[in-house]
C-alpha atoms as a PDB file:
ATOM      1  CA  MET A   1       0.109  -0.081  -0.351  1.00  0.00           C
ATOM      2  CA  ASP A   2       1.156   3.678  -0.978  1.00  0.00           C
ATOM      3  CA  GLN A   3       2.141   5.503   2.294  1.00  0.00           C
ATOM      4  CA  PRO A   4       0.639   9.408   2.827  1.00  0.00           C
ATOM      5  CA  GLN A   5       2.704  11.688   1.759  1.00  0.00           C
ATOM      6  CA  LEU A   6       3.378  14.573  -0.443  1.00  0.00           C
ATOM      7  CA  GLU A   7       5.150  14.101  -3.886  1.00  0.00           C
ATOM      8  CA  GLN A   8       7.044  17.357  -5.819  1.00  0.00           C
ATOM      9  CA  SER A   9       8.428  17.997  -8.518  1.00  0.00           C
ATOM     10  CA  VAL A  10       9.867  21.257 -10.784  1.00  0.00           C
ATOM     11  CA  ALA A  11       9.624  21.723 -14.182  1.00  0.00           C
ATOM     12  CA  ASP A  12       9.965  24.898 -16.723  1.00  0.00           C
ATOM     13  CA  GLY A  13       9.960  26.996 -13.489  1.00  0.00           C
ATOM     14  CA  VAL A  14       6.569  25.375 -12.301  1.00  0.00           C
ATOM     15  CA  ALA A  15       6.991  23.350  -8.950  1.00  0.00           C
ATOM     16  CA  THR A  16       4.156  20.797  -8.626  1.00  0.00           C
ATOM     17  CA  VAL A  17       3.130  19.831  -5.399  1.00  0.00           C
ATOM     18  CA  VAL A  18       0.833  16.581  -5.105  1.00  0.00           C
ATOM     19  CA  ILE A  19      -1.352  15.137  -2.135  1.00  0.00           C
ATOM     20  CA  SER A  20      -0.695  11.314  -2.361  1.00  0.00           C
ATOM     21  CA  ASN A  21      -2.786   9.055   0.015  1.00  0.00           C
ATOM     22  CA  PRO A  22      -4.820   7.121  -2.595  1.00  0.00           C
ATOM     23  CA  ALA A  23      -6.126   4.724   0.265  1.00  0.00           C
ATOM     24  CA  LYS A  24      -7.985   7.842   1.356  1.00  0.00           C
ATOM     25  CA  ARG A  25      -8.632   9.689  -1.134  1.00  0.00           C
ATOM     26  CA  ASN A  26      -5.534  11.277  -0.583  1.00  0.00           C
ATOM     27  CA  ALA A  27      -6.663  12.344   3.177  1.00  0.00           C
ATOM     28  CA  MET A  28      -4.090  14.911   4.673  1.00  0.00           C
ATOM     29  CA  THR A  29      -2.725  12.767   7.757  1.00  0.00           C
ATOM     30  CA  ALA A  30      -1.044  14.646  10.509  1.00  0.00           C
ATOM     31  CA  GLY A  31       2.701  13.837   9.160  1.00  0.00           C
ATOM     32  CA  MET A  32       1.959  15.432   5.706  1.00  0.00           C
ATOM     33  CA  TRP A  33       0.445  18.979   7.550  1.00  0.00           C
ATOM     34  CA  ARG A  34       3.215  18.995   8.969  1.00  0.00           C
ATOM     35  CA  ALA A  35       5.490  18.539   7.032  1.00  0.00           C
ATOM     36  CA  LEU A  36       3.802  21.178   3.672  1.00  0.00           C
ATOM     37  CA  PRO A  37       4.980  24.281   5.626  1.00  0.00           C
ATOM     38  CA  GLY A  38       8.662  23.144   4.858  1.00  0.00           C
ATOM     39  CA  LEU A  39       8.055  21.403   1.707  1.00  0.00           C
ATOM     40  CA  LEU A  40       6.996  25.015   0.742  1.00  0.00           C
ATOM     41  CA  ALA A  41      10.072  26.699   2.080  1.00  0.00           C
ATOM     42  CA  ALA A  42      12.187  25.069  -0.013  1.00  0.00           C
ATOM     43  CA  LEU A  43      10.082  25.656  -2.379  1.00  0.00           C
ATOM     44  CA  ALA A  44       9.930  29.467  -2.601  1.00  0.00           C
ATOM     45  CA  ALA A  45      13.289  29.130  -2.012  1.00  0.00           C
ATOM     46  CA  ASP A  46      14.257  27.877  -4.502  1.00  0.00           C
ATOM     47  CA  ARG A  47      15.189  30.450  -7.907  1.00  0.00           C
ATOM     48  CA  GLY A  48      14.290  28.180 -11.027  1.00  0.00           C
ATOM     49  CA  VAL A  49      10.764  28.600  -9.432  1.00  0.00           C
ATOM     50  CA  ARG A  50       8.243  31.328 -10.394  1.00  0.00           C
ATOM     51  CA  ALA A  51       5.043  29.257  -9.507  1.00  0.00           C
ATOM     52  CA  LEU A  52       3.345  26.379  -7.840  1.00  0.00           C
ATOM     53  CA  VAL A  53       0.414  24.110  -9.004  1.00  0.00           C
ATOM     54  CA  LEU A  54      -1.015  21.985  -5.713  1.00  0.00           C
ATOM     55  CA  THR A  55      -3.026  19.025  -6.579  1.00  0.00           C
ATOM     56  CA  GLY A  56      -4.010  14.846  -5.796  1.00  0.00           C
ATOM     57  CA  ALA A  57      -2.636  12.025  -6.652  1.00  0.00           C
ATOM     58  CA  GLY A  58      -5.440  10.435  -9.060  1.00  0.00           C
ATOM     59  CA  ALA A  59      -8.671  11.440  -9.455  1.00  0.00           C
ATOM     60  CA  THR A  60      -8.841  13.027  -6.275  1.00  0.00           C
ATOM     61  CA  PHE A  61      -7.638  16.282  -4.902  1.00  0.00           C
ATOM     62  CA  CYS A  62      -8.425  15.687  -1.503  1.00  0.00           C
ATOM     63  CA  ALA A  63     -10.904  14.332   1.058  1.00  0.00           C
ATOM     64  CA  GLY A  64      -9.580  16.594   4.031  1.00  0.00           C
ATOM     65  CA  ALA A  65      -8.497  15.617   7.833  1.00  0.00           C
ATOM     66  CA  ASP A  66      -7.840  11.853   8.198  1.00  0.00           C
ATOM     67  CA  ILE A  67     -10.634  12.055  10.609  1.00  0.00           C
ATOM     68  CA  SER A  68      -8.810   8.787  12.416  1.00  0.00           C
ATOM     69  CA  SER A  69      -5.575  11.559  13.431  1.00  0.00           C
ATOM     70  CA  LEU A  70      -8.303  13.728  15.184  1.00  0.00           C
ATOM     71  CA  ARG A  71      -8.558  11.277  17.905  1.00  0.00           C
ATOM     72  CA  GLU A  72      -5.343  13.032  19.074  1.00  0.00           C
ATOM     73  CA  PRO A  73      -5.581  15.121  22.165  1.00  0.00           C
ATOM     74  CA  GLY A  74      -6.313  18.707  22.261  1.00  0.00           C
ATOM     75  CA  ASP A  75      -6.197  21.189  19.030  1.00  0.00           C
ATOM     76  CA  GLU A  76      -3.160  19.434  17.547  1.00  0.00           C
ATOM     77  CA  GLN A  77      -4.728  18.043  14.320  1.00  0.00           C
ATOM     78  CA  GLN A  78      -6.747  22.017  13.067  1.00  0.00           C
ATOM     79  CA  SER A  79      -3.148  24.042  14.426  1.00  0.00           C
ATOM     80  CA  LEU A  80      -1.251  21.772  12.254  1.00  0.00           C
ATOM     81  CA  ALA A  81      -3.767  22.838   9.376  1.00  0.00           C
ATOM     82  CA  VAL A  82      -3.432  26.276  10.319  1.00  0.00           C
ATOM     83  CA  ARG A  83       0.196  26.397  10.202  1.00  0.00           C
ATOM     84  CA  ALA A  84      -0.006  24.548   6.329  1.00  0.00           C
ATOM     85  CA  GLU A  85      -3.143  27.078   5.079  1.00  0.00           C
ATOM     86  CA  GLU A  86      -1.226  29.754   6.089  1.00  0.00           C
ATOM     87  CA  ALA A  87       2.679  28.530   4.858  1.00  0.00           C
ATOM     88  CA  LEU A  88       0.387  28.422   1.478  1.00  0.00           C
ATOM     89  CA  ALA A  89      -0.919  31.366   1.291  1.00  0.00           C
ATOM     90  CA  ALA A  90       2.618  33.294   2.456  1.00  0.00           C
ATOM     91  CA  PHE A  91       3.879  31.123  -0.475  1.00  0.00           C
ATOM     92  CA  PRO A  92       5.581  34.358  -2.003  1.00  0.00           C
ATOM     93  CA  LYS A  93       5.268  33.281  -5.947  1.00  0.00           C
ATOM     94  CA  PRO A  94       1.333  32.615  -7.887  1.00  0.00           C
ATOM     95  CA  THR A  95      -0.159  29.429  -6.420  1.00  0.00           C
ATOM     96  CA  LEU A  96      -2.686  27.638  -8.140  1.00  0.00           C
ATOM     97  CA  ALA A  97      -4.692  25.038  -7.219  1.00  0.00           C
ATOM     98  CA  ALA A  98      -5.826  22.161  -9.995  1.00  0.00           C
ATOM     99  CA  VAL A  99      -8.607  20.240  -8.534  1.00  0.00           C
ATOM    100  CA  ARG A 100     -10.248  17.248  -9.915  1.00  0.00           C
ATOM    101  CA  GLY A 101     -12.703  15.381  -7.520  1.00  0.00           C
ATOM    102  CA  TYR A 102     -13.898  15.363  -3.858  1.00  0.00           C
ATOM    103  CA  CYS A 103     -12.321  18.245  -2.650  1.00  0.00           C
ATOM    104  CA  VAL A 104     -14.165  18.125   1.626  1.00  0.00           C
ATOM    105  CA  GLY A 105     -12.788  19.956   4.357  1.00  0.00           C
ATOM    106  CA  GLY A 106      -8.870  20.170   4.798  1.00  0.00           C
ATOM    107  CA  GLY A 107      -8.772  20.022   0.727  1.00  0.00           C
ATOM    108  CA  SER A 108     -11.188  22.636   0.486  1.00  0.00           C
ATOM    109  CA  GLN A 109      -8.870  24.831   3.052  1.00  0.00           C
ATOM    110  CA  LEU A 110      -5.314  24.118   1.295  1.00  0.00           C
ATOM    111  CA  ALA A 111      -7.493  25.020  -2.301  1.00  0.00           C
ATOM    112  CA  ALA A 112      -8.855  28.534  -0.844  1.00  0.00           C
ATOM    113  CA  ALA A 113      -5.524  29.457   0.165  1.00  0.00           C
ATOM    114  CA  CYS A 114      -4.386  28.921  -3.653  1.00  0.00           C
ATOM    115  CA  ASP A 115      -4.124  32.312  -5.019  1.00  0.00           C
ATOM    116  CA  LEU A 116      -6.490  30.755  -8.367  1.00  0.00           C
ATOM    117  CA  ARG A 117      -8.544  27.140  -8.273  1.00  0.00           C
ATOM    118  CA  PHE A 118      -9.147  25.459 -11.397  1.00  0.00           C
ATOM    119  CA  ALA A 119     -11.406  22.405 -11.620  1.00  0.00           C
ATOM    120  CA  GLU A 120     -12.639  19.295 -13.803  1.00  0.00           C
ATOM    121  CA  GLU A 121     -16.459  19.108 -14.051  1.00  0.00           C
ATOM    122  CA  GLY A 122     -17.877  16.572 -11.737  1.00  0.00           C
ATOM    123  CA  ALA A 123     -15.033  18.103  -8.777  1.00  0.00           C
ATOM    124  CA  ARG A 124     -17.183  18.571  -5.865  1.00  0.00           C
ATOM    125  CA  PHE A 125     -16.555  21.261  -3.255  1.00  0.00           C
ATOM    126  CA  GLY A 126     -17.391  21.064   0.518  1.00  0.00           C
ATOM    127  CA  ILE A 127     -16.095  21.744   3.904  1.00  0.00           C
ATOM    128  CA  THR A 128     -17.406  20.407   6.592  1.00  0.00           C
ATOM    129  CA  PRO A 129     -16.946  20.776  10.316  1.00  0.00           C
ATOM    130  CA  ALA A 130     -20.769  20.997  11.639  1.00  0.00           C
ATOM    131  CA  LYS A 131     -20.598  16.811  10.543  1.00  0.00           C
ATOM    132  CA  LEU A 132     -18.526  16.569  12.923  1.00  0.00           C
ATOM    133  CA  GLY A 133     -18.712  18.891  16.070  1.00  0.00           C
ATOM    134  CA  ILE A 134     -15.043  21.191  15.140  1.00  0.00           C
ATOM    135  CA  VAL A 135     -15.386  25.294  14.796  1.00  0.00           C
ATOM    136  CA  TYR A 136     -13.719  26.218  12.107  1.00  0.00           C
ATOM    137  CA  PRO A 137     -10.317  28.424  12.769  1.00  0.00           C
ATOM    138  CA  ALA A 138     -11.497  32.107  12.278  1.00  0.00           C
ATOM    139  CA  SER A 139      -8.516  32.272   9.736  1.00  0.00           C
ATOM    140  CA  SER A 140      -9.978  30.081   7.596  1.00  0.00           C
ATOM    141  CA  THR A 141     -13.452  31.532   7.910  1.00  0.00           C
ATOM    142  CA  ARG A 142     -12.073  35.129   6.818  1.00  0.00           C
ATOM    143  CA  ARG A 143     -10.247  33.756   3.826  1.00  0.00           C
ATOM    144  CA  LEU A 144     -13.049  31.640   2.657  1.00  0.00           C
ATOM    145  CA  VAL A 145     -15.542  34.785   3.091  1.00  0.00           C
ATOM    146  CA  SER A 146     -13.111  37.321   1.191  1.00  0.00           C
ATOM    147  CA  LEU A 147     -13.386  34.298  -1.354  1.00  0.00           C
ATOM    148  CA  VAL A 148     -16.651  33.897  -1.844  1.00  0.00           C
ATOM    149  CA  GLY A 149     -18.373  35.759   0.131  1.00  0.00           C
ATOM    150  CA  PRO A 150     -20.943  36.133   3.568  1.00  0.00           C
ATOM    151  CA  SER A 151     -23.491  34.271   1.998  1.00  0.00           C
ATOM    152  CA  ALA A 152     -22.048  31.446   0.435  1.00  0.00           C
ATOM    153  CA  ALA A 153     -19.744  31.081   3.029  1.00  0.00           C
ATOM    154  CA  LYS A 154     -22.537  30.949   5.890  1.00  0.00           C
ATOM    155  CA  TYR A 155     -23.859  28.150   3.582  1.00  0.00           C
ATOM    156  CA  LEU A 156     -20.680  26.050   3.635  1.00  0.00           C
ATOM    157  CA  LEU A 157     -19.688  26.407   6.877  1.00  0.00           C
ATOM    158  CA  PHE A 158     -23.355  26.068   8.409  1.00  0.00           C
ATOM    159  CA  SER A 159     -24.784  23.503   6.096  1.00  0.00           C
ATOM    160  CA  GLY A 160     -21.701  20.780   5.625  1.00  0.00           C
ATOM    161  CA  GLU A 161     -23.258  20.190   2.359  1.00  0.00           C
ATOM    162  CA  LEU A 162     -21.022  19.682  -1.620  1.00  0.00           C
ATOM    163  CA  VAL A 163     -21.540  21.358  -3.747  1.00  0.00           C
ATOM    164  CA  GLY A 164     -20.432  21.179  -7.417  1.00  0.00           C
ATOM    165  CA  THR A 165     -18.575  22.776  -9.870  1.00  0.00           C
ATOM    166  CA  GLU A 166     -21.424  25.458 -11.293  1.00  0.00           C
ATOM    167  CA  ARG A 167     -21.818  27.034  -7.970  1.00  0.00           C
ATOM    168  CA  ALA A 168     -18.227  26.858  -7.459  1.00  0.00           C
ATOM    169  CA  LEU A 169     -17.320  28.885 -10.122  1.00  0.00           C
ATOM    170  CA  ARG A 170     -20.639  31.238  -9.549  1.00  0.00           C
ATOM    171  CA  THR A 171     -19.907  31.881  -5.978  1.00  0.00           C
ATOM    172  CA  GLY A 172     -16.036  32.432  -6.541  1.00  0.00           C
ATOM    173  CA  PHE A 173     -14.640  29.811  -4.968  1.00  0.00           C
ATOM    174  CA  VAL A 174     -13.130  28.513  -8.272  1.00  0.00           C
ATOM    175  CA  ASP A 175     -11.873  30.410 -10.957  1.00  0.00           C
ATOM    176  CA  GLU A 176     -11.947  28.128 -14.441  1.00  0.00           C
ATOM    177  CA  VAL A 177     -13.858  25.001 -14.895  1.00  0.00           C
ATOM    178  CA  LEU A 178     -12.734  22.374 -17.586  1.00  0.00           C
ATOM    179  CA  PRO A 179     -14.304  19.418 -19.451  1.00  0.00           C
ATOM    180  CA  ALA A 180     -13.191  15.617 -18.377  1.00  0.00           C
ATOM    181  CA  GLY A 181      -9.831  15.076 -19.457  1.00  0.00           C
ATOM    182  CA  GLY A 182      -8.676  19.266 -20.085  1.00  0.00           C
ATOM    183  CA  LEU A 183      -7.526  20.299 -16.362  1.00  0.00           C
ATOM    184  CA  ASP A 184      -4.261  19.060 -16.609  1.00  0.00           C
ATOM    185  CA  GLY A 185      -3.373  20.978 -20.266  1.00  0.00           C
ATOM    186  CA  ARG A 186      -4.840  23.881 -19.274  1.00  0.00           C
ATOM    187  CA  VAL A 187      -2.768  24.500 -15.795  1.00  0.00           C
ATOM    188  CA  ARG A 188       0.140  23.218 -17.857  1.00  0.00           C
ATOM    189  CA  GLU A 189      -0.845  26.341 -20.435  1.00  0.00           C
ATOM    190  CA  PHE A 190      -1.978  29.072 -17.712  1.00  0.00           C
ATOM    191  CA  THR A 191       1.013  27.890 -15.416  1.00  0.00           C
ATOM    192  CA  SER A 192       3.684  28.635 -18.575  1.00  0.00           C
ATOM    193  CA  VAL A 193       1.918  32.330 -19.119  1.00  0.00           C
ATOM    194  CA  LEU A 194       2.930  32.748 -15.106  1.00  0.00           C
ATOM    195  CA  ALA A 195       6.001  31.753 -15.067  1.00  0.00           C
ATOM    196  CA  SER A 196       6.407  34.240 -18.119  1.00  0.00           C
ATOM    197  CA  ARG A 197       5.368  37.542 -16.296  1.00  0.00           C
ATOM    198  CA  SER A 198       6.988  39.159 -14.476  1.00  0.00           C
ATOM    199  CA  GLN A 199       7.472  38.358 -10.981  1.00  0.00           C
ATOM    200  CA  LEU A 200       7.802  42.527  -9.589  1.00  0.00           C
ATOM    201  CA  THR A 201       4.473  42.255 -10.350  1.00  0.00           C
ATOM    202  CA  GLN A 202       2.976  39.148  -9.169  1.00  0.00           C
ATOM    203  CA  ALA A 203       4.608  39.483  -6.088  1.00  0.00           C
ATOM    204  CA  ALA A 204       3.449  43.218  -5.442  1.00  0.00           C
ATOM    205  CA  ALA A 205       0.419  42.277  -6.695  1.00  0.00           C
ATOM    206  CA  LYS A 206      -0.606  39.295  -4.127  1.00  0.00           C
ATOM    207  CA  GLU A 207       0.619  42.035  -1.174  1.00  0.00           C
ATOM    208  CA  PHE A 208      -1.601  44.363  -2.525  1.00  0.00           C
ATOM    209  CA  ALA A 209      -4.182  42.038  -2.654  1.00  0.00           C
ATOM    210  CA  THR A 210      -3.873  40.466   0.709  1.00  0.00           C
ATOM    211  CA  GLY A 211      -5.482  44.660   1.851  1.00  0.00           C
ATOM    212  CA  ARG A 212      -1.641  45.040   2.743  1.00  0.00           C
ATOM    213  CA  THR A 213      -1.418  49.063   3.108  1.00  0.00           C
ATOM    214  CA  ASP A 214       2.433  50.060   4.507  1.00  0.00           C
ATOM    215  CA  ARG A 215       4.122  48.323   1.547  1.00  0.00           C
ATOM    216  CA  ASP A 216       3.858  50.856  -1.143  1.00  0.00           C
ATOM    217  CA  GLY A 217       7.187  52.716  -1.014  1.00  0.00           C
ATOM    218  CA  TYR A 218       9.124  49.421  -1.094  1.00  0.00           C
ATOM    219  CA  TRP A 219       7.616  48.306  -3.535  1.00  0.00           C
ATOM    220  CA  ALA A 220       8.063  51.922  -5.865  1.00  0.00           C
ATOM    221  CA  GLU A 221      11.772  50.997  -4.699  1.00  0.00           C
ATOM    222  CA  GLN A 222      12.259  47.591  -6.160  1.00  0.00           C
ATOM    223  CA  ALA A 223      10.855  48.710  -9.040  1.00  0.00           C
ATOM    224  CA  ARG A 224      13.387  51.379  -9.870  1.00  0.00           C
ATOM    225  CA  GLY A 225      16.102  48.247  -9.316  1.00  0.00           C
ATOM    226  CA  SER A 226      14.450  46.140 -11.092  1.00  0.00           C
ATOM    227  CA  GLY A 227      14.857  46.627 -14.090  1.00  0.00           C
ATOM    228  CA  ASP A 228      11.689  44.725 -15.375  1.00  0.00           C
ATOM    229  CA  THR A 229       9.867  47.331 -16.439  1.00  0.00           C
ATOM    230  CA  ALA A 230      12.735  49.141 -18.354  1.00  0.00           C
ATOM    231  CA  GLU A 231      12.627  45.295 -20.359  1.00  0.00           C
ATOM    232  CA  GLY A 232       8.814  44.918 -20.338  1.00  0.00           C
ATOM    233  CA  ILE A 233       9.025  48.559 -22.168  1.00  0.00           C
ATOM    234  CA  ALA A 234      11.346  47.256 -24.718  1.00  0.00           C
ATOM    235  CA  ALA A 235      10.141  43.716 -25.456  1.00  0.00           C
ATOM    236  CA  PHE A 236       6.355  45.889 -26.518  1.00  0.00           C
ATOM    237  CA  LEU A 237       8.639  48.361 -28.921  1.00  0.00           C
ATOM    238  CA  GLU A 238      11.106  45.478 -30.092  1.00  0.00           C
ATOM    239  CA  ARG A 239       7.925  43.148 -30.691  1.00  0.00           C
ATOM    240  CA  ARG A 240       9.195  40.330 -28.504  1.00  0.00           C
ATOM    241  CA  ALA A 241       9.032  38.677 -25.190  1.00  0.00           C
ATOM    242  CA  PRO A 242      10.427  40.374 -22.378  1.00  0.00           C
ATOM    243  CA  ARG A 243      13.118  38.721 -20.707  1.00  0.00           C
ATOM    244  CA  PHE A 244      12.496  39.972 -16.914  1.00  0.00           C
ATOM    245  CA  THR A 245      15.368  38.729 -14.085  1.00  0.00           C
ATOM    246  CA  TYR A 246      13.538  40.227 -11.089  1.00  0.00           C
ATOM    247  CA  SER A 247      13.267  37.130  -8.385  1.00  0.00           C
ATOM    248  CA  ALA A 248      10.954  37.660  -5.471  1.00  0.00           C
END
């Protein structure tokens, strides 16, 4: 039997992290929650990584936390999940969740922490603490509300019901829905675009989009010293692909 693990690879500037626990629909064990922040830190430090994809092995993204590990004493399991989620949200480069099959509980928590979410038709999303009598973390709740709005967040949290890709797209939880068999190709295409763009623009936009308001001067200084603006304008005028050099 395959051991639960997080698999990683890097190709063409894109890091891919695969949640793999096929015996339990890729449920996250305590060990996997613990491993994710360190794995992300190493990928963030790799100057060759320009974007990151999070996905699940096989036909499922992630069915949540391994329920057997919820029997651990105290709030350790939830704390591990929150630390992993926050590490993913803080990743300095664009992140994309590629979702097929079930994306439930902790799986939805991880998907929401990514910058973007692409899903294959037939995927199912749910945030299920109400089925277990668990208080969903405040930080995770705020992130969900900022993503889908208060009413849609309450629908998901109050009911614990699963929703399909049509509703997920309508509420803003998902950014694109792809037909069966089309997810991987679209993810490769889009992350290639991300990897070709200015990391300066992406890093600043990522901070500003989270509501940070104290770094305008910092990013203006980075722009002046980076050379990306001059290179982007020169490439446009010369009708060639830009060669951006700034690294987040």
